[in-house]
Amino acid sequence: MDRHETLMPIDDLFERAGRINVSMAELSRDAGVHNSTASRIRAGADPNRRTHLKLQRALLNREALLLEHLTGLQPHAEGEGAR
């Protein structure tokens, strides 16, 4: 884990997840954390940086997959580049 990785505000994280129709349960599952832990972080009761980063990375991965699906591009394709 990169100690210098910037955390987005937790409210923004869940707002962005909602915009792409990803529930807290789905995001928690993708991040490999319990839904109750994500709920505590969202409520501000558990300032766990590591779990916050896991949730953030899960969201960014979901956004990347959605963008790939919508555009047909494959950002990390090998060979002749993105299609």
Protein backbone atom coordinates (compact mmCIF):
# COMPACT_ATOMS: atom_id res chain seq x y z
CA MET A 1 0.00 0.00 0.00
CA ASP A 2 1.32 3.44 -0.90
CA ARG A 3 1.38 5.71 2.16
CA HIS A 4 1.28 8.71 -0.16
CA GLU A 5 -1.82 7.64 -2.04
CA THR A 6 -4.47 10.34 -1.71
CA LEU A 7 -7.75 9.40 -0.12
CA MET A 8 -10.87 10.84 -1.67
CA PRO A 9 -13.42 12.02 0.89
CA ILE A 10 -15.55 9.04 1.92
CA ASP A 11 -18.79 10.84 1.03
CA ASP A 12 -17.46 11.46 -2.49
CA LEU A 13 -16.44 7.82 -2.78
CA PHE A 14 -19.94 6.53 -2.03
CA GLU A 15 -21.57 9.27 -4.13
CA ARG A 16 -19.49 8.22 -7.14
CA ALA A 17 -20.35 4.58 -6.49
CA GLY A 18 -24.03 5.51 -6.48
CA ARG A 19 -23.69 7.31 -9.80
CA ILE A 20 -22.58 4.09 -11.47
CA ASN A 21 -25.17 2.02 -9.56
CA VAL A 22 -22.72 0.20 -7.30
CA SER A 23 -24.11 -0.47 -3.84
CA MET A 24 -22.08 -0.32 -0.65
CA ALA A 25 -22.43 -4.11 -0.39
CA GLU A 26 -21.00 -4.61 -3.89
CA LEU A 27 -18.17 -2.17 -3.25
CA SER A 28 -17.39 -3.88 0.06
CA ARG A 29 -17.34 -7.29 -1.61
CA ASP A 30 -15.05 -6.02 -4.38
CA ALA A 31 -12.73 -4.53 -1.75
CA GLY A 32 -12.74 -7.68 0.35
CA VAL A 33 -14.09 -5.95 3.46
CA HIS A 34 -17.18 -6.57 5.55
CA ASN A 35 -20.19 -4.44 4.72
CA SER A 36 -20.47 -3.43 8.39
CA THR A 37 -16.90 -2.10 8.29
CA ALA A 38 -17.69 -0.05 5.20
CA SER A 39 -20.78 1.29 6.95
CA ARG A 40 -18.72 2.38 9.96
CA ILE A 41 -16.19 4.10 7.71
CA ARG A 42 -18.98 5.84 5.82
CA ALA A 43 -20.47 7.04 9.12
CA GLY A 44 -17.07 8.33 10.24
CA ALA A 45 -16.90 5.91 13.16
CA ASP A 46 -13.90 3.96 11.84
CA PRO A 47 -11.09 6.06 10.33
CA ASN A 48 -9.26 3.01 8.96
CA ARG A 49 -7.00 4.29 6.15
CA ARG A 50 -6.20 0.84 4.78
CA THR A 51 -9.86 -0.15 4.41
CA HIS A 52 -10.70 3.28 2.98
CA LEU A 53 -8.02 2.70 0.32
CA LYS A 54 -9.39 -0.76 -0.46
CA LEU A 55 -12.85 0.71 -1.01
CA GLN A 56 -11.42 3.53 -3.12
CA ARG A 57 -9.44 1.13 -5.30
CA ALA A 58 -12.51 -1.09 -5.74
CA LEU A 59 -14.48 1.95 -6.90
CA LEU A 60 -11.76 3.04 -9.32
CA ASN A 61 -11.61 -0.51 -10.74
CA ARG A 62 -15.40 -0.53 -11.22
CA GLU A 63 -15.24 2.87 -12.95
CA ALA A 64 -12.45 1.64 -15.23
CA LEU A 65 -14.42 -1.48 -16.16
CA LEU A 66 -17.49 0.59 -16.91
CA LEU A 67 -15.49 2.99 -19.06
CA GLU A 68 -13.92 0.07 -20.89
CA HIS A 69 -17.35 -1.45 -21.49
CA LEU A 70 -18.88 1.81 -22.71
CA THR A 71 -16.03 2.78 -25.02
CA GLY A 72 -14.87 -0.63 -26.14
CA LEU A 73 -11.33 0.39 -25.25
CA GLN A 74 -8.97 -1.87 -23.40
CA PRO A 75 -6.55 0.46 -21.58
CA HIS A 76 -3.96 -2.22 -20.76
CA ALA A 77 -4.12 -4.27 -23.94
CA GLU A 78 -0.82 -5.76 -25.00
CA GLY A 79 0.49 -5.69 -28.53
CA GLU A 80 -0.76 -2.96 -30.81
CA GLY A 81 -2.23 -0.92 -27.93
CA ALA A 82 -5.77 -0.13 -26.92
CA ARG A 83 -8.47 -1.08 -29.37
